[in-house]
Protein backbone atom coordinates (compact mmCIF):
# COMPACT_ATOMS: atom_id res chain seq x y z
CA MET A 1 -103.45 44.23 -24.33
CA ALA A 2 -104.71 43.78 -20.12
CA LYS A 3 -103.36 46.37 -17.90
CA LEU A 4 -102.33 44.43 -14.23
CA THR A 5 -101.79 46.39 -10.67
CA VAL A 6 -99.39 43.91 -8.63
CA SER A 7 -97.39 44.91 -5.45
CA ILE A 8 -93.92 43.46 -4.73
CA SER A 9 -91.31 44.72 -2.78
CA SER A 10 -89.09 47.66 -3.65
CA ASP A 11 -86.07 44.87 -4.22
CA ALA A 12 -88.23 43.07 -6.98
CA ARG A 13 -89.22 46.38 -8.59
CA LYS A 14 -85.62 47.75 -8.69
CA ARG A 15 -84.74 44.26 -10.48
CA ILE A 16 -87.27 44.40 -12.72
CA ASP A 17 -86.00 48.13 -13.60
CA TYR A 18 -82.52 47.28 -13.97
CA ARG A 19 -82.32 43.98 -16.17
CA ALA A 20 -85.19 45.88 -18.24
CA GLU A 21 -83.09 49.23 -18.75
CA GLN A 22 -80.51 46.61 -19.22
CA LEU A 23 -82.21 44.89 -22.06
CA GLY A 24 -83.65 47.95 -23.36
CA VAL A 25 -87.22 46.78 -22.89
CA THR A 26 -90.30 48.65 -20.74
CA ARG A 27 -91.06 47.02 -17.60
CA SER A 28 -93.94 44.94 -18.67
CA ALA A 29 -92.11 43.56 -21.83
CA TYR A 30 -89.72 42.85 -19.80
CA VAL A 31 -92.58 41.05 -16.95
CA GLU A 32 -93.95 39.49 -19.74
CA GLY A 33 -91.15 37.95 -21.18
CA LEU A 34 -91.07 36.19 -17.88
CA VAL A 35 -94.32 34.82 -17.82
CA ALA A 36 -93.74 33.62 -21.72
CA ALA A 37 -90.40 31.50 -20.17
CA ASP A 38 -92.17 30.35 -17.19
CA ALA A 39 -94.95 29.24 -19.72
CA GLN A 40 -91.74 27.45 -21.62
CA THR A 41 -90.49 25.77 -18.65
CA GLU A 42 -93.86 24.59 -18.20
CA LEU A 43 -94.70 23.04 -21.43
CA GLU A 44 -91.37 21.55 -21.72
CA ALA A 45 -91.36 20.02 -18.36
CA PHE A 46 -94.85 18.32 -19.78
CA LEU A 47 -93.80 17.13 -22.43
CA GLU A 48 -90.18 15.54 -21.28
CA GLU A 49 -93.12 13.84 -19.58
CA GLY A 50 -95.03 12.59 -21.66
CA TYR A 51 -92.04 11.54 -24.11
CA ARG A 52 -90.98 9.09 -20.91
CA ALA A 53 -94.08 8.01 -20.57
CA LEU A 54 -93.97 6.61 -24.17
CA ALA A 55 -90.73 5.11 -23.96
CA ALA A 56 -91.55 2.97 -20.88
CA GLU A 57 -94.94 2.00 -22.77
CA ASN A 58 -93.12 1.46 -26.16
CA GLY A 59 -89.98 -0.85 -24.08
CA ARG A 60 -93.00 -2.58 -22.35
CA PHE A 61 -94.87 -3.49 -25.60
CA ALA A 62 -91.71 -4.19 -27.20
CA GLU A 63 -90.22 -6.57 -24.43
CA SER A 64 -94.00 -8.31 -24.99
CA VAL A 65 -93.66 -8.63 -27.86
CA LEU A 66 -90.00 -10.09 -28.00
CA PRO A 67 -90.63 -13.61 -27.65
CA VAL A 68 -93.19 -14.14 -30.69
CA ALA A 69 -90.21 -11.63 -32.76
CA TRP A 70 -87.73 -14.42 -32.15
CA GLU A 71 -90.11 -17.23 -33.11
CA VAL A 72 -90.24 -16.11 -36.24
CA VAL A 73 -87.14 -15.02 -36.75
CA GLY A 74 -85.16 -17.62 -34.75
CA SER A 75 -83.61 -16.91 -31.97
CA ASP A 76 -79.79 -16.83 -34.10
CA ASP A 77 -78.16 -13.47 -34.67
CA THR A 78 -77.27 -14.30 -38.58
CA ALA A 79 -80.91 -13.33 -39.23
CA TRP A 80 -80.75 -9.48 -38.90
């Protein structure tokens, strides 16, 4: 566990106190939860970017091999 001293506005402190009390947790636990939620959001965005890039790459590959596949199975839909 590490201690951290930060300077925030009194409105931000009041908000932290209010939400922490609502949730029944300490200020530290509430702020730690915010940091964890931010890290999760960042991870999800990173994964989504990777999935999109992979999907685009797979799409390009499929388009490149489709002509060869049609030569093998023919262009007749009954082959499928």
